[in-house]
Amino acid sequence: MVATVSTGSATDQPDPALPLRQRLGDALRVAMKARDRVAVSALRSALAAMDNAEAVDRTAAIDEPLGIEQIPVGVGAAEVERRVLTPAQLEHIVRAEVTDREAAAREYDLAGRPERAERLRGEVGVLSAYLPDPT
């Protein structure tokens, strides 16, 4: 059985005016309080995928040996800003998470693991609730 995640609003529907990441983060906190393992798993995974997509690629220069006088010194000297993703890119990431879970659920069905497939379908339902209908 899959429990639904309440966002705390009167209609229990995610507010589409809020950014997707914020809606998912808010839902994660609610799911954790409700001890909804399926929702927590799906939401954490989607948020982690967003964080991973914002990571900066390593440049080839990083692996070049530097002389001691060329090594960056001080707090944050070697820091780089993370990528900033557009709302469309974030939505694409969540849709990819949904697609991956649907494919995995089909594979579990073929492997004779319907209980695992049902859990993945529950995660699909959780994530799909935060996406606009595809047009």
N, C-alpha and C. Protein backbone atom coordinates (compact mmCIF):
# COMPACT_ATOMS: atom_id res chain seq x y z
N MET A 1 0.84 -1.18 0.00
CA MET A 1 0.00 0.00 0.00
C MET A 1 0.89 1.23 0.00
N VAL A 2 0.55 2.20 -0.82
CA VAL A 2 1.32 3.42 -0.95
C VAL A 2 0.54 4.57 -0.33
N ALA A 3 1.17 5.23 0.64
CA ALA A 3 0.53 6.38 1.27
C ALA A 3 0.80 7.62 0.43
N THR A 4 -0.15 8.53 0.41
CA THR A 4 0.05 9.77 -0.32
C THR A 4 0.68 10.80 0.60
N VAL A 5 1.42 11.69 0.02
CA VAL A 5 2.11 12.71 0.80
C VAL A 5 1.28 13.97 0.84
N SER A 6 1.00 14.44 2.02
CA SER A 6 0.27 15.69 2.18
C SER A 6 1.25 16.84 2.24
N THR A 7 0.98 17.89 1.50
CA THR A 7 1.87 19.05 1.52
C THR A 7 1.46 20.06 2.57
N GLY A 8 0.41 19.76 3.29
CA GLY A 8 -0.01 20.66 4.34
C GLY A 8 -0.99 21.72 3.87
N SER A 9 -1.26 21.80 2.58
CA SER A 9 -2.20 22.79 2.08
C SER A 9 -3.62 22.26 2.24
N ALA A 10 -4.57 23.14 2.08
CA ALA A 10 -5.97 22.75 2.26
C ALA A 10 -6.40 21.72 1.24
N THR A 11 -5.84 21.77 0.05
CA THR A 11 -6.26 20.85 -1.00
C THR A 11 -5.35 19.62 -1.08
N ASP A 12 -4.26 19.62 -0.31
CA ASP A 12 -3.29 18.52 -0.32
C ASP A 12 -2.67 18.31 -1.68
N GLN A 13 -2.68 19.32 -2.53
CA GLN A 13 -2.02 19.27 -3.82
C GLN A 13 -0.83 20.20 -3.78
N PRO A 14 0.29 19.83 -4.45
CA PRO A 14 1.44 20.72 -4.46
C PRO A 14 1.11 22.04 -5.15
N ASP A 15 1.62 23.13 -4.61
CA ASP A 15 1.37 24.46 -5.16
C ASP A 15 2.23 24.64 -6.41
N PRO A 16 1.63 24.69 -7.62
CA PRO A 16 2.43 24.79 -8.84
C PRO A 16 3.16 26.12 -8.98
N ALA A 17 2.83 27.11 -8.15
CA ALA A 17 3.50 28.40 -8.24
C ALA A 17 4.91 28.33 -7.63
N LEU A 18 5.14 27.38 -6.73
CA LEU A 18 6.46 27.23 -6.12
C LEU A 18 7.41 26.51 -7.07
N PRO A 19 8.71 26.79 -6.97
CA PRO A 19 9.67 26.07 -7.81
C PRO A 19 9.63 24.57 -7.49
N LEU A 20 9.91 23.76 -8.51
CA LEU A 20 9.85 22.30 -8.38
C LEU A 20 10.72 21.79 -7.24
N ARG A 21 11.95 22.29 -7.15
CA ARG A 21 12.85 21.83 -6.09
C ARG A 21 12.26 22.12 -4.71
N GLN A 22 11.66 23.27 -4.53
CA GLN A 22 11.07 23.63 -3.24
C GLN A 22 9.88 22.72 -2.92
N ARG A 23 9.06 22.47 -3.94
CA ARG A 23 7.91 21.58 -3.71
C ARG A 23 8.36 20.18 -3.31
N LEU A 24 9.42 19.68 -3.98
CA LEU A 24 9.93 18.35 -3.64
C LEU A 24 10.55 18.34 -2.25
N GLY A 25 11.28 19.40 -1.91
CA GLY A 25 11.88 19.49 -0.58
C GLY A 25 10.83 19.55 0.52
N ASP A 26 9.79 20.35 0.29
CA ASP A 26 8.70 20.45 1.26
C ASP A 26 8.01 19.09 1.43
N ALA A 27 7.78 18.43 0.31
CA ALA A 27 7.12 17.12 0.35
C ALA A 27 8.00 16.09 1.06
N LEU A 28 9.32 16.20 0.89
CA LEU A 28 10.23 15.27 1.56
C LEU A 28 10.12 15.42 3.07
N ARG A 29 10.08 16.65 3.56
CA ARG A 29 9.96 16.85 5.01
C ARG A 29 8.64 16.27 5.53
N VAL A 30 7.57 16.47 4.79
CA VAL A 30 6.26 15.92 5.19
C VAL A 30 6.30 14.40 5.17
N ALA A 31 6.90 13.82 4.13
CA ALA A 31 6.97 12.36 4.01
C ALA A 31 7.82 11.76 5.13
N MET A 32 8.89 12.45 5.49
CA MET A 32 9.73 11.95 6.57
C MET A 32 8.98 11.95 7.90
N LYS A 33 8.21 13.00 8.15
CA LYS A 33 7.41 13.05 9.37
C LYS A 33 6.35 11.97 9.38
N ALA A 34 5.80 11.68 8.20
CA ALA A 34 4.75 10.67 8.08
C ALA A 34 5.33 9.25 8.00
N ARG A 35 6.66 9.16 7.93
CA ARG A 35 7.36 7.87 7.80
C ARG A 35 6.90 7.08 6.56
N ASP A 36 6.70 7.82 5.49
CA ASP A 36 6.30 7.23 4.21
C ASP A 36 7.56 6.87 3.43
N ARG A 37 7.98 5.62 3.55
CA ARG A 37 9.25 5.18 2.94
C ARG A 37 9.28 5.32 1.43
N VAL A 38 8.17 5.02 0.79
CA VAL A 38 8.12 5.10 -0.68
C VAL A 38 8.32 6.54 -1.13
N ALA A 39 7.60 7.46 -0.53
CA ALA A 39 7.71 8.87 -0.91
C ALA A 39 9.10 9.42 -0.57
N VAL A 40 9.61 9.08 0.59
CA VAL A 40 10.94 9.56 0.99
C VAL A 40 11.99 9.09 -0.01
N SER A 41 11.93 7.83 -0.39
CA SER A 41 12.89 7.27 -1.34
C SER A 41 12.82 7.99 -2.69
N ALA A 42 11.62 8.18 -3.20
CA ALA A 42 11.45 8.83 -4.49
C ALA A 42 11.90 10.29 -4.46
N LEU A 43 11.51 11.00 -3.42
CA LEU A 43 11.83 12.42 -3.33
C LEU A 43 13.33 12.65 -3.11
N ARG A 44 13.94 11.83 -2.26
CA ARG A 44 15.39 11.97 -2.04
C ARG A 44 16.15 11.70 -3.33
N SER A 45 15.73 10.69 -4.04
CA SER A 45 16.40 10.33 -5.29
C SER A 45 16.29 11.45 -6.31
N ALA A 46 15.12 12.04 -6.44
CA ALA A 46 14.93 13.12 -7.41
C ALA A 46 15.74 14.35 -7.02
N LEU A 47 15.76 14.69 -5.74
CA LEU A 47 16.54 15.84 -5.30
C LEU A 47 18.04 15.60 -5.48
N ALA A 48 18.49 14.37 -5.24
CA ALA A 48 19.90 14.04 -5.45
C ALA A 48 20.27 14.12 -6.93
N ALA A 49 19.37 13.67 -7.80
CA ALA A 49 19.63 13.77 -9.24
C ALA A 49 19.75 15.23 -9.66
N MET A 50 18.94 16.11 -9.08
CA MET A 50 19.05 17.54 -9.38
C MET A 50 20.40 18.08 -8.90
N ASP A 51 20.79 17.71 -7.69
CA ASP A 51 22.08 18.16 -7.16
C ASP A 51 23.23 17.67 -8.03
N ASN A 52 23.17 16.43 -8.46
CA ASN A 52 24.23 15.88 -9.31
C ASN A 52 24.30 16.61 -10.65
N ALA A 53 23.17 16.99 -11.19
CA ALA A 53 23.16 17.69 -12.48
C ALA A 53 23.75 19.09 -12.35
N GLU A 54 23.73 19.66 -11.17
CA GLU A 54 24.29 20.99 -10.95
C GLU A 54 25.80 20.97 -10.73
N ALA A 55 26.36 19.78 -10.56
CA ALA A 55 27.80 19.69 -10.31
C ALA A 55 28.58 20.16 -11.54
N VAL A 56 29.74 20.71 -11.30
CA VAL A 56 30.58 21.25 -12.36
C VAL A 56 31.53 20.16 -12.85
N ASP A 57 31.72 20.09 -14.16
CA ASP A 57 32.66 19.11 -14.72
C ASP A 57 34.08 19.45 -14.31
N ARG A 58 34.87 18.42 -14.14
CA ARG A 58 36.30 18.62 -13.86
C ARG A 58 36.99 19.04 -15.15
N THR A 59 37.83 20.02 -15.04
CA THR A 59 38.60 20.44 -16.20
C THR A 59 39.88 19.61 -16.27
N ALA A 60 40.48 19.54 -17.45
CA ALA A 60 41.72 18.79 -17.61
C ALA A 60 42.84 19.43 -16.82
N ALA A 61 42.78 20.73 -16.60
CA ALA A 61 43.83 21.45 -15.87
C ALA A 61 43.94 21.01 -14.41
N ILE A 62 42.87 20.43 -13.87
CA ILE A 62 42.88 19.99 -12.47
C ILE A 62 43.95 18.93 -12.24
N ASP A 63 44.16 18.09 -13.22
CA ASP A 63 45.10 16.99 -13.06
C ASP A 63 46.55 17.37 -13.37
N GLU A 64 46.77 18.60 -13.80
CA GLU A 64 48.13 19.04 -14.06
C GLU A 64 48.84 19.32 -12.74
N PRO A 65 50.06 18.82 -12.60
CA PRO A 65 50.78 19.09 -11.35
C PRO A 65 51.17 20.57 -11.27
N LEU A 66 50.98 21.15 -10.10
CA LEU A 66 51.31 22.55 -9.88
C LEU A 66 52.52 22.64 -8.96
N GLY A 67 53.30 23.67 -9.18
CA GLY A 67 54.37 23.95 -8.24
C GLY A 67 53.76 24.51 -6.98
N ILE A 68 54.46 24.43 -5.88
CA ILE A 68 53.92 24.87 -4.60
C ILE A 68 53.49 26.32 -4.63
N GLU A 69 54.18 27.14 -5.41
CA GLU A 69 53.82 28.56 -5.48
C GLU A 69 52.55 28.80 -6.28
N GLN A 70 52.07 27.80 -7.02
CA GLN A 70 50.87 27.95 -7.84
C GLN A 70 49.62 27.36 -7.19
N ILE A 71 49.75 26.70 -6.07
CA ILE A 71 48.63 26.05 -5.42
C ILE A 71 47.73 27.11 -4.78
N PRO A 72 46.40 27.06 -5.04
CA PRO A 72 45.50 28.03 -4.42
C PRO A 72 45.53 27.91 -2.89
N VAL A 73 45.50 29.04 -2.22
CA VAL A 73 45.58 29.05 -0.76
C VAL A 73 44.39 29.81 -0.20
N GLY A 74 43.90 29.34 0.93
CA GLY A 74 42.83 30.04 1.63
C GLY A 74 41.50 29.34 1.49
N VAL A 75 40.58 29.73 2.36
CA VAL A 75 39.25 29.14 2.37
C VAL A 75 38.54 29.49 1.07
N GLY A 76 38.07 28.47 0.36
CA GLY A 76 37.31 28.69 -0.86
C GLY A 76 38.14 29.04 -2.08
N ALA A 77 39.46 28.98 -1.97
CA ALA A 77 40.32 29.36 -3.10
C ALA A 77 40.12 28.45 -4.30
N ALA A 78 39.75 27.23 -4.07
CA ALA A 78 39.58 26.28 -5.17
C ALA A 78 38.10 26.01 -5.47
N GLU A 79 37.21 26.80 -4.91
CA GLU A 79 35.77 26.59 -5.11
C GLU A 79 35.33 27.10 -6.48
N VAL A 80 34.34 26.43 -7.02
CA VAL A 80 33.72 26.87 -8.27
C VAL A 80 32.22 26.88 -8.04
N GLU A 81 31.55 27.81 -8.70
CA GLU A 81 30.09 27.86 -8.55
C GLU A 81 29.45 26.70 -9.28
N ARG A 82 28.37 26.20 -8.70
CA ARG A 82 27.62 25.11 -9.31
C ARG A 82 26.82 25.65 -10.49
N ARG A 83 26.41 24.77 -11.38
CA ARG A 83 25.55 25.16 -12.49
C ARG A 83 24.20 25.59 -11.94
N VAL A 84 23.56 26.46 -12.67
CA VAL A 84 22.19 26.86 -12.34
C VAL A 84 21.31 26.28 -13.43
N LEU A 85 20.40 25.41 -13.02
CA LEU A 85 19.52 24.74 -13.98
C LEU A 85 18.21 25.50 -14.11
N THR A 86 17.66 25.48 -15.30
CA THR A 86 16.37 26.13 -15.55
C THR A 86 15.25 25.24 -15.02
N PRO A 87 14.07 25.81 -14.80
CA PRO A 87 12.94 24.98 -14.37
C PRO A 87 12.65 23.84 -15.35
N ALA A 88 12.83 24.08 -16.65
CA ALA A 88 12.60 23.03 -17.64
C ALA A 88 13.61 21.89 -17.48
N GLN A 89 14.86 22.23 -17.18
CA GLN A 89 15.87 21.20 -16.97
C GLN A 89 15.57 20.38 -15.72
N LEU A 90 15.13 21.04 -14.66
CA LEU A 90 14.77 20.33 -13.43
C LEU A 90 13.58 19.40 -13.67
N GLU A 91 12.61 19.89 -14.43
CA GLU A 91 11.45 19.05 -14.76
C GLU A 91 11.89 17.84 -15.59
N HIS A 92 12.81 18.06 -16.51
CA HIS A 92 13.32 16.97 -17.34
C HIS A 92 14.00 15.91 -16.46
N ILE A 93 14.73 16.33 -15.45
CA ILE A 93 15.41 15.39 -14.56
C ILE A 93 14.39 14.54 -13.81
N VAL A 94 13.33 15.16 -13.31
CA VAL A 94 12.31 14.41 -12.57
C VAL A 94 11.57 13.47 -13.52
N ARG A 95 11.30 13.92 -14.74
CA ARG A 95 10.65 13.03 -15.72
C ARG A 95 11.55 11.83 -16.04
N ALA A 96 12.86 12.05 -16.10
CA ALA A 96 13.79 10.94 -16.34
C ALA A 96 13.76 9.96 -15.17
N GLU A 97 13.64 10.48 -13.96
CA GLU A 97 13.53 9.61 -12.78
C GLU A 97 12.25 8.75 -12.87
N VAL A 98 11.16 9.36 -13.31
CA VAL A 98 9.89 8.63 -13.47
C VAL A 98 10.06 7.54 -14.54
N THR A 99 10.65 7.90 -15.67
CA THR A 99 10.84 6.94 -16.76
C THR A 99 11.71 5.77 -16.32
N ASP A 100 12.78 6.06 -15.58
CA ASP A 100 13.66 5.00 -15.09
C ASP A 100 12.91 4.04 -14.17
N ARG A 101 12.07 4.58 -13.31
CA ARG A 101 11.32 3.73 -12.38
C ARG A 101 10.28 2.88 -13.12
N GLU A 102 9.64 3.47 -14.13
CA GLU A 102 8.67 2.70 -14.91
C GLU A 102 9.35 1.53 -15.62
N ALA A 103 10.52 1.78 -16.20
CA ALA A 103 11.26 0.72 -16.89
C ALA A 103 11.71 -0.35 -15.90
N ALA A 104 12.18 0.07 -14.74
CA ALA A 104 12.63 -0.90 -13.73
C ALA A 104 11.45 -1.72 -13.22
N ALA A 105 10.29 -1.10 -13.08
CA ALA A 105 9.10 -1.83 -12.63
C ALA A 105 8.72 -2.91 -13.63
N ARG A 106 8.81 -2.59 -14.92
CA ARG A 106 8.52 -3.61 -15.94
C ARG A 106 9.51 -4.77 -15.85
N GLU A 107 10.77 -4.44 -15.62
CA GLU A 107 11.79 -5.49 -15.49
C GLU A 107 11.53 -6.36 -14.27
N TYR A 108 11.14 -5.76 -13.17
CA TYR A 108 10.83 -6.54 -11.97
C TYR A 108 9.62 -7.44 -12.20
N ASP A 109 8.63 -6.95 -12.94
CA ASP A 109 7.48 -7.80 -13.27
C ASP A 109 7.92 -9.02 -14.07
N LEU A 110 8.78 -8.79 -15.06
CA LEU A 110 9.28 -9.89 -15.88
C LEU A 110 10.12 -10.87 -15.07
N ALA A 111 10.78 -10.36 -14.04
CA ALA A 111 11.63 -11.21 -13.20
C ALA A 111 10.83 -11.89 -12.08
N GLY A 112 9.53 -11.65 -12.03
CA GLY A 112 8.70 -12.29 -11.02
C GLY A 112 8.81 -11.63 -9.65
N ARG A 113 9.05 -10.33 -9.61
CA ARG A 113 9.15 -9.59 -8.34
C ARG A 113 8.08 -8.50 -8.31
N PRO A 114 6.80 -8.88 -8.26
CA PRO A 114 5.74 -7.89 -8.32
C PRO A 114 5.73 -6.92 -7.14
N GLU A 115 6.19 -7.36 -5.95
CA GLU A 115 6.20 -6.46 -4.80
C GLU A 115 7.17 -5.30 -5.00
N ARG A 116 8.32 -5.58 -5.60
CA ARG A 116 9.30 -4.52 -5.88
C ARG A 116 8.78 -3.62 -7.00
N ALA A 117 8.14 -4.20 -8.00
CA ALA A 117 7.57 -3.41 -9.09
C ALA A 117 6.49 -2.47 -8.57
N GLU A 118 5.68 -2.93 -7.63
CA GLU A 118 4.62 -2.11 -7.07
C GLU A 118 5.20 -0.93 -6.28
N ARG A 119 6.29 -1.19 -5.56
CA ARG A 119 6.94 -0.09 -4.82
C ARG A 119 7.44 0.98 -5.79
N LEU A 120 8.06 0.56 -6.90
CA LEU A 120 8.54 1.52 -7.89
C LEU A 120 7.39 2.29 -8.52
N ARG A 121 6.28 1.61 -8.76
CA ARG A 121 5.12 2.31 -9.31
C ARG A 121 4.57 3.33 -8.30
N GLY A 122 4.68 3.03 -7.02
CA GLY A 122 4.30 3.99 -6.00
C GLY A 122 5.19 5.22 -6.05
N GLU A 123 6.50 5.01 -6.26
CA GLU A 123 7.43 6.12 -6.38
C GLU A 123 7.10 6.96 -7.63
N VAL A 124 6.71 6.28 -8.71
CA VAL A 124 6.30 6.99 -9.93
C VAL A 124 5.11 7.90 -9.63
N GLY A 125 4.17 7.39 -8.88
CA GLY A 125 2.99 8.18 -8.52
C GLY A 125 3.35 9.41 -7.69
N VAL A 126 4.28 9.23 -6.75
CA VAL A 126 4.72 10.35 -5.91
C VAL A 126 5.35 11.43 -6.76
N LEU A 127 6.31 11.06 -7.61
CA LEU A 127 7.01 12.05 -8.43
C LEU A 127 6.09 12.68 -9.47
N SER A 128 5.22 11.89 -10.05
CA SER A 128 4.32 12.40 -11.08
C SER A 128 3.38 13.48 -10.54
N ALA A 129 3.08 13.42 -9.26
CA ALA A 129 2.19 14.41 -8.65
C ALA A 129 2.80 15.81 -8.68
N TYR A 130 4.11 15.90 -8.83
CA TYR A 130 4.79 17.20 -8.80
C TYR A 130 5.14 17.70 -10.19
N LEU A 131 4.75 16.97 -11.21
CA LEU A 131 5.03 17.36 -12.59
C LEU A 131 3.77 17.85 -13.27
N PRO A 132 3.88 18.86 -14.13
CA PRO A 132 2.71 19.25 -14.91
C PRO A 132 2.42 18.16 -15.94
N ASP A 133 1.18 18.10 -16.37
CA ASP A 133 0.81 17.11 -17.39
C ASP A 133 1.59 17.39 -18.67
N PRO A 134 2.17 16.34 -19.28
CA PRO A 134 2.90 16.56 -20.54
C PRO A 134 1.93 16.94 -21.64
N THR A 135 2.34 17.90 -22.44
CA THR A 135 1.46 18.33 -23.54
C THR A 135 2.14 18.16 -24.85
